[in-house]
């Protein structure tokens, strides 16, 4: 009798083991299909932009994220009446700090709603940060350690097969476009010392030689080099001065901003000249003149086009759609109790 009971017990265990294995296989298959099959419905994410950055709106008709960027289940609106049902509300810092917009303290904020602090400006341009402590769940900036990383541009694998004219077709050595010139900035000091050694074509509001958007890149393209000097030398801040003004114009950028290591991580390989590589501006000037006279050496700075290409981000809608890409991976209960400390870290 004991032997029969033992056999029965073993059979039950085998059955349960088989059933358990089958169940977990089916469950794993279901999860796999849900994760990787775009036809499987997923939860929609609604994003409310409380105010447009710098007051320049874009059209949000229809399923913009899917239609323009192939990002599904992501819906954007700038209709503030959607506040009670929005999963995410985005606030651009400049409008808040300048008093052109205010936070909706008069409305009942849903417990599950996440607020995003958005800024593409360096810390020095983000005023009154202490007023916003304990309010925002996520940050959205150019910094790689932001919750939602939105750079001005990025380097991608795969050459673009573009080639740019070398020495014979360049009519000037160096150009610089600057509108908000401030003498105390590092870039101003470097420019003044460089200008003692080499001629620099300067454009922008500062010297009353503004360039229209249509004329910007063609004007820069006439030169061998472009001064992609950032107004702040802070973590990860590499703006359109590199990604658009230099790279899209097809010239070699001379950069001043974050560390050389940061540029090496983010920019295409051997695509730039970093100011800190030279002991003096006289040494830098001599090197630029040498490159301009040596076609082969100059063209070496464009070899990255064989293996890499760049992508620039200019449309705020594309940036906003990136929230949905990051959403499943973002911390649900995070709050920036000291926003200013993080911004200046």
Protein backbone atom coordinates (compact mmCIF):
# COMPACT_ATOMS: atom_id res chain seq x y z
CA UNK A 1 0.00 0.00 0.00
CA UNK A 2 2.86 2.38 0.91
CA UNK A 3 4.54 1.65 -2.44
CA UNK A 4 1.34 2.54 -4.33
CA UNK A 5 1.04 5.80 -2.42
CA UNK A 6 4.65 6.65 -3.25
CA UNK A 7 4.11 5.96 -6.94
CA UNK A 8 0.95 8.09 -6.96
CA UNK A 9 2.80 10.93 -5.23
CA UNK A 10 5.60 10.80 -7.80
CA UNK A 11 3.12 10.89 -10.68
CA UNK A 12 1.43 13.97 -9.20
CA UNK A 13 4.80 15.71 -8.88
CA UNK A 14 5.67 14.89 -12.50
CA UNK A 15 2.31 16.21 -13.68
CA UNK A 16 2.69 19.44 -11.72
CA UNK A 17 6.23 19.87 -12.99
CA UNK A 18 5.14 19.43 -16.63
CA UNK A 19 2.19 21.76 -16.17
CA UNK A 20 4.40 24.38 -14.50
CA UNK A 21 6.96 24.18 -17.29
CA UNK A 22 4.26 24.51 -19.97
CA UNK A 23 2.66 27.43 -18.16
CA UNK A 24 5.87 29.38 -17.82
CA UNK A 25 6.85 28.69 -21.43
CA UNK A 26 3.52 30.07 -22.59
CA UNK A 27 3.87 33.06 -20.31
CA UNK A 28 7.38 33.78 -21.56
CA UNK A 29 6.18 33.51 -25.17
CA UNK A 30 3.36 35.91 -24.47
CA UNK A 31 5.71 38.43 -22.87
CA UNK A 32 8.16 38.08 -25.75
CA UNK A 33 5.47 38.76 -28.34
CA UNK A 34 4.17 41.71 -26.40
CA UNK A 35 7.63 43.20 -26.11
CA UNK A 36 8.78 42.75 -29.68
CA UNK A 37 5.66 42.55 -31.81
CA UNK A 38 4.62 46.08 -32.82
CA UNK A 39 1.12 44.83 -33.65
CA UNK A 40 0.41 43.92 -30.02
CA UNK A 41 -1.45 46.84 -28.39
CA UNK A 42 0.46 48.67 -25.66
CA UNK A 43 -0.54 51.35 -23.20
CA UNK A 44 -0.92 54.82 -24.71
CA UNK A 45 1.12 57.61 -23.16
CA UNK A 46 -0.34 61.13 -23.22
CA UNK A 47 2.08 64.06 -23.04
CA UNK A 48 0.94 67.61 -22.40
CA UNK A 49 3.30 70.44 -23.31
CA UNK A 50 2.23 73.24 -20.97
CA UNK A 51 3.80 76.00 -23.09
CA UNK A 52 5.88 76.03 -26.25
CA UNK A 53 9.60 76.77 -25.83
CA UNK A 54 10.31 80.39 -26.72
CA UNK A 55 6.71 80.80 -27.85
CA UNK A 56 7.21 79.01 -31.18
CA UNK A 57 4.48 76.39 -31.67
CA UNK A 58 4.40 73.35 -33.95
CA UNK A 59 1.36 71.52 -35.30
CA UNK A 60 0.28 68.53 -33.25
CA UNK A 61 -2.54 67.22 -35.44
CA UNK A 62 -3.05 63.45 -35.48
CA UNK A 63 -0.63 60.77 -34.36
CA UNK A 64 2.50 62.88 -34.86
CA UNK A 65 4.95 60.59 -33.05
CA UNK A 66 4.01 57.57 -35.14
CA UNK A 67 3.63 59.40 -38.42
CA UNK A 68 6.87 61.38 -38.22
CA UNK A 69 9.14 59.26 -36.01
CA UNK A 70 7.60 55.77 -35.96
CA UNK A 71 7.01 55.93 -32.20
CA UNK A 72 3.71 54.24 -31.35
CA UNK A 73 1.23 54.81 -28.52
CA UNK A 74 2.56 58.31 -27.90
CA UNK A 75 0.22 61.27 -28.10
CA UNK A 76 1.18 64.93 -27.80
CA UNK A 77 -1.05 67.87 -27.01
CA UNK A 78 -0.64 71.52 -26.07
CA UNK A 79 -4.25 71.84 -24.93
CA UNK A 80 -4.00 72.64 -21.23
CA UNK A 81 -7.53 71.33 -20.63
CA UNK A 82 -6.00 67.84 -20.97
CA UNK A 83 -4.14 68.33 -17.68
CA UNK A 84 -6.37 66.03 -15.55
CA UNK A 85 -5.74 63.02 -17.84
CA UNK A 86 -2.14 63.64 -18.97
CA UNK A 87 0.45 61.03 -18.01
CA UNK A 88 3.26 63.54 -18.41
CA UNK A 89 3.30 67.35 -18.32
CA UNK A 90 6.34 69.15 -19.74
CA UNK A 91 7.41 72.64 -18.63
CA UNK A 92 10.12 74.59 -20.44
CA UNK A 93 12.22 76.45 -17.90
CA UNK A 94 12.68 79.72 -19.78
CA UNK A 95 8.95 80.50 -19.76
CA UNK A 96 8.70 79.70 -16.06
CA UNK A 97 11.78 81.69 -15.03
CA UNK A 98 10.80 84.74 -17.09
CA UNK A 99 7.24 84.73 -15.77
CA UNK A 100 5.68 84.13 -19.18
CA UNK A 101 4.03 80.98 -17.84
CA UNK A 102 3.29 79.55 -14.41
CA UNK A 103 2.85 76.13 -12.88
CA UNK A 104 -0.78 74.93 -12.51
CA UNK A 105 -0.94 74.95 -8.72
CA UNK A 106 -4.65 75.79 -8.92
CA UNK A 107 -5.41 72.43 -10.54
CA UNK A 108 -5.63 69.01 -8.90
CA UNK A 109 -2.53 67.12 -9.97
CA UNK A 110 -3.21 63.38 -10.43
CA UNK A 111 -1.05 61.22 -8.19
CA UNK A 112 0.28 59.22 -11.14
CA UNK A 113 1.12 62.27 -13.26
CA UNK A 114 4.80 63.09 -13.86
CA UNK A 115 6.17 66.58 -14.36
CA UNK A 116 9.19 67.13 -16.61
CA UNK A 117 11.64 70.01 -16.32
CA UNK A 118 12.88 70.89 -19.82
CA UNK A 119 15.85 73.06 -20.77
CA UNK A 120 18.52 73.00 -23.45
CA UNK A 121 20.34 75.96 -21.91
CA UNK A 122 23.56 75.77 -19.85
CA UNK A 123 23.15 76.32 -16.08
CA UNK A 124 24.03 80.02 -16.16
CA UNK A 125 20.96 80.68 -18.33
CA UNK A 126 18.55 78.82 -16.04
CA UNK A 127 17.42 81.35 -13.46
CA UNK A 128 15.32 80.98 -10.29
CA UNK A 129 15.88 77.23 -10.02
CA UNK A 130 15.29 77.18 -6.26
CA UNK A 131 11.66 78.12 -6.87
CA UNK A 132 11.07 74.71 -8.42
CA UNK A 133 12.48 72.38 -5.80
CA UNK A 134 10.33 69.37 -4.95
CA UNK A 135 8.06 69.73 -7.98
CA UNK A 136 9.60 67.87 -10.90
CA UNK A 137 9.94 64.13 -11.35
CA UNK A 138 12.17 64.01 -14.42
CA UNK A 139 14.72 66.20 -16.17
CA UNK A 140 14.93 66.61 -19.93
CA UNK A 141 18.16 68.20 -21.17
CA UNK A 142 21.30 67.76 -23.29
CA UNK A 143 23.08 66.08 -20.38
CA UNK A 144 23.64 62.35 -20.69
CA UNK A 145 22.63 61.78 -17.07
CA UNK A 146 19.24 63.46 -17.54
CA UNK A 147 16.17 61.27 -17.22
CA UNK A 148 15.33 62.10 -20.84
CA UNK A 149 18.47 62.83 -22.84
CA UNK A 150 17.82 65.20 -25.76
CA UNK A 151 21.11 66.32 -27.33
CA UNK A 152 21.45 68.90 -30.08
CA UNK A 153 22.90 66.16 -32.25
CA UNK A 154 24.46 62.73 -32.14
CA UNK A 155 26.88 60.53 -34.02
CA UNK A 156 25.57 57.42 -35.76
CA UNK A 157 27.28 54.41 -37.25
CA UNK A 158 27.32 54.14 -41.04
CA UNK A 159 29.03 56.51 -43.47
CA UNK A 160 27.08 59.08 -45.42
CA UNK A 161 29.47 59.04 -48.40
CA UNK A 162 29.61 62.82 -48.46
CA UNK A 163 32.72 64.64 -49.59
CA UNK A 164 33.54 68.31 -49.16
CA UNK A 165 35.74 70.55 -51.28
CA UNK A 166 39.26 70.97 -49.97
CA UNK A 167 41.68 73.90 -50.08
CA UNK A 168 41.17 75.30 -53.61
CA UNK A 169 37.53 76.22 -53.02
CA UNK A 170 37.89 77.89 -49.62
CA UNK A 171 38.11 81.67 -49.66
CA UNK A 172 38.70 82.35 -45.96
CA UNK A 173 40.58 80.69 -43.13
CA UNK A 174 38.29 80.92 -40.09
CA UNK A 175 34.75 82.13 -39.43
CA UNK A 176 32.73 82.68 -36.27
CA UNK A 177 29.06 83.50 -35.80
CA UNK A 178 28.22 85.17 -32.49
CA UNK A 179 25.32 87.34 -31.40
CA UNK A 180 25.64 87.57 -27.60
CA UNK A 181 29.27 88.53 -27.18
CA UNK A 182 30.36 88.88 -23.55
CA UNK A 183 33.99 89.89 -22.88
CA UNK A 184 34.24 87.89 -19.64
CA UNK A 185 33.55 84.56 -21.37
CA UNK A 186 36.40 82.19 -22.18
CA UNK A 187 35.39 82.04 -25.83
CA UNK A 188 35.77 85.82 -26.13
CA UNK A 189 39.26 85.73 -24.67
CA UNK A 190 40.37 82.92 -26.98
CA UNK A 191 38.90 84.71 -30.00
CA UNK A 192 40.71 87.96 -29.20
CA UNK A 193 44.06 86.20 -28.84
CA UNK A 194 43.53 84.13 -31.99
CA UNK A 195 42.64 87.24 -33.93
CA UNK A 196 46.11 88.62 -33.17
CA UNK A 197 47.61 85.84 -35.29
CA UNK A 198 45.10 84.97 -38.01
CA UNK A 199 42.19 86.69 -39.78
CA UNK A 200 38.73 85.63 -38.54
CA UNK A 201 35.53 86.44 -40.40
CA UNK A 202 32.95 87.30 -37.72
CA UNK A 203 29.20 87.37 -38.32
CA UNK A 204 26.16 87.85 -36.12
CA UNK A 205 24.34 90.55 -34.20
CA UNK A 206 27.46 91.44 -32.19
CA UNK A 207 29.23 93.12 -35.10
CA UNK A 208 26.04 93.90 -37.03
CA UNK A 209 26.65 91.27 -39.70
CA UNK A 210 23.68 88.95 -39.12
CA UNK A 211 23.22 85.93 -41.36
CA UNK A 212 19.81 84.64 -42.37
CA UNK A 213 19.14 80.95 -41.88
CA UNK A 214 19.41 80.52 -45.65
CA UNK A 215 22.85 82.17 -45.82
CA UNK A 216 24.32 80.72 -42.62
CA UNK A 217 25.75 77.42 -43.84
CA UNK A 218 26.88 78.62 -47.31
CA UNK A 219 28.79 81.48 -45.69
CA UNK A 220 30.51 79.21 -43.17
CA UNK A 221 31.29 76.70 -45.94
CA UNK A 222 33.57 79.21 -47.63
CA UNK A 223 36.09 78.86 -44.81
CA UNK A 224 38.48 76.10 -43.75
CA UNK A 225 37.54 76.26 -40.06
CA UNK A 226 34.68 77.36 -37.84
CA UNK A 227 34.96 78.45 -34.21
CA UNK A 228 32.39 76.21 -32.52
CA UNK A 229 32.87 78.00 -29.21
CA UNK A 230 30.23 77.35 -26.54
CA UNK A 231 29.20 80.18 -24.22
CA UNK A 232 29.60 77.84 -21.22
CA UNK A 233 32.16 75.12 -20.58
CA UNK A 234 29.89 72.74 -18.70
CA UNK A 235 29.02 69.04 -18.65
CA UNK A 236 27.94 67.68 -22.05
CA UNK A 237 26.93 71.10 -23.42
CA UNK A 238 27.64 70.80 -27.16
CA UNK A 239 25.16 72.87 -29.11
CA UNK A 240 24.18 73.51 -32.70
CA UNK A 241 27.47 75.40 -33.13
CA UNK A 242 29.12 72.03 -33.71
CA UNK A 243 26.30 69.83 -35.03
CA UNK A 244 24.78 72.34 -37.47
CA UNK A 245 27.10 75.29 -38.06
CA UNK A 246 30.30 73.28 -38.51
CA UNK A 247 29.34 69.76 -39.54
CA UNK A 248 26.47 70.65 -41.85
CA UNK A 249 28.50 73.41 -43.47
CA UNK A 250 31.28 70.90 -44.13
CA UNK A 251 34.14 72.66 -42.36
CA UNK A 252 36.51 71.59 -39.59
CA UNK A 253 35.31 72.83 -36.19
CA UNK A 254 37.66 74.34 -33.65
CA UNK A 255 35.89 73.58 -30.39
CA UNK A 256 35.76 75.12 -26.94
CA UNK A 257 33.29 73.73 -24.43
CA UNK A 258 33.33 70.57 -22.34
CA UNK A 259 36.44 68.42 -22.06
CA UNK A 260 38.13 66.90 -25.07
CA UNK A 261 37.11 63.48 -23.71
CA UNK A 262 33.45 64.51 -23.96
CA UNK A 263 33.84 65.56 -27.59
CA UNK A 264 35.67 62.32 -28.35
CA UNK A 265 32.75 60.38 -26.88
CA UNK A 266 29.97 62.30 -28.62
CA UNK A 267 31.39 63.63 -31.90
CA UNK A 268 32.62 61.60 -34.90
CA UNK A 269 36.22 60.36 -34.61
CA UNK A 270 38.92 62.90 -35.53
CA UNK A 271 36.36 65.43 -36.71
CA UNK A 272 37.38 68.45 -34.61
CA UNK A 273 40.29 70.44 -33.17
CA UNK A 274 40.09 71.12 -29.42
CA UNK A 275 41.52 74.41 -28.16
CA UNK A 276 43.05 72.77 -25.09
CA UNK A 277 45.36 70.67 -27.24
CA UNK A 278 47.57 73.74 -27.69
CA UNK A 279 49.68 75.55 -25.13
CA UNK A 280 49.07 78.94 -26.74
CA UNK A 281 46.75 80.48 -29.30
CA UNK A 282 49.84 81.16 -31.38
CA UNK A 283 50.42 77.40 -31.58
CA UNK A 284 46.78 76.84 -32.52
CA UNK A 285 46.97 79.54 -35.20
CA UNK A 286 50.10 78.00 -36.68
CA UNK A 287 48.43 74.59 -36.82
CA UNK A 288 45.36 75.99 -38.61
CA UNK A 289 47.54 77.69 -41.21
CA UNK A 290 49.49 74.46 -41.67
CA UNK A 291 46.31 72.44 -42.29
CA UNK A 292 44.93 74.98 -44.74
CA UNK A 293 48.13 74.65 -46.78
CA UNK A 294 48.24 70.84 -46.66
CA UNK A 295 45.31 69.38 -48.58
CA UNK A 296 45.91 65.80 -47.44
CA UNK A 297 46.22 66.75 -43.78
CA UNK A 298 43.11 68.91 -43.96
CA UNK A 299 41.00 66.26 -45.67
CA UNK A 300 41.93 63.75 -42.96
CA UNK A 301 39.40 65.57 -40.76
CA UNK A 302 36.62 64.38 -43.09
CA UNK A 303 37.50 60.68 -43.14
CA UNK A 304 34.85 60.05 -40.49
CA UNK A 305 32.22 60.36 -43.23
CA UNK A 306 33.27 56.91 -44.42
CA UNK A 307 32.20 55.26 -41.18
CA UNK A 308 29.87 57.67 -39.39
CA UNK A 309 27.17 60.24 -39.95
CA UNK A 310 25.46 62.78 -37.76
CA UNK A 311 21.84 63.44 -36.85
CA UNK A 312 20.64 66.81 -35.61
CA UNK A 313 17.57 67.48 -33.49
CA UNK A 314 15.70 70.70 -34.21
CA UNK A 315 12.01 69.80 -34.01
CA UNK A 316 10.53 70.00 -30.51
CA UNK A 317 8.00 67.32 -31.45
CA UNK A 318 10.75 64.77 -32.03
CA UNK A 319 12.23 65.62 -28.64
CA UNK A 320 8.85 65.27 -26.93
CA UNK A 321 8.20 61.90 -28.58
CA UNK A 322 11.41 60.63 -27.00
CA UNK A 323 9.66 60.77 -23.63
CA UNK A 324 7.56 57.78 -24.67
CA UNK A 325 10.66 55.83 -25.64
CA UNK A 326 12.14 56.42 -22.21
CA UNK A 327 8.88 56.19 -20.25
CA UNK A 328 8.98 52.45 -19.38
CA UNK A 329 12.48 52.87 -17.94
CA UNK A 330 11.94 56.02 -15.88
CA UNK A 331 11.69 55.93 -12.06
CA UNK A 332 8.07 56.23 -10.98
CA UNK A 333 8.62 57.91 -7.61
CA UNK A 334 11.53 60.24 -8.30
CA UNK A 335 11.35 63.89 -7.20
CA UNK A 336 14.06 66.56 -7.60
CA UNK A 337 14.09 68.09 -4.14
CA UNK A 338 17.08 70.31 -5.05
CA UNK A 339 16.83 71.02 -8.75
CA UNK A 340 19.47 73.74 -8.67
CA UNK A 341 22.10 71.40 -7.21
CA UNK A 342 21.47 68.88 -9.97
CA UNK A 343 21.59 71.49 -12.74
CA UNK A 344 24.92 72.83 -11.47
CA UNK A 345 26.44 69.42 -10.70
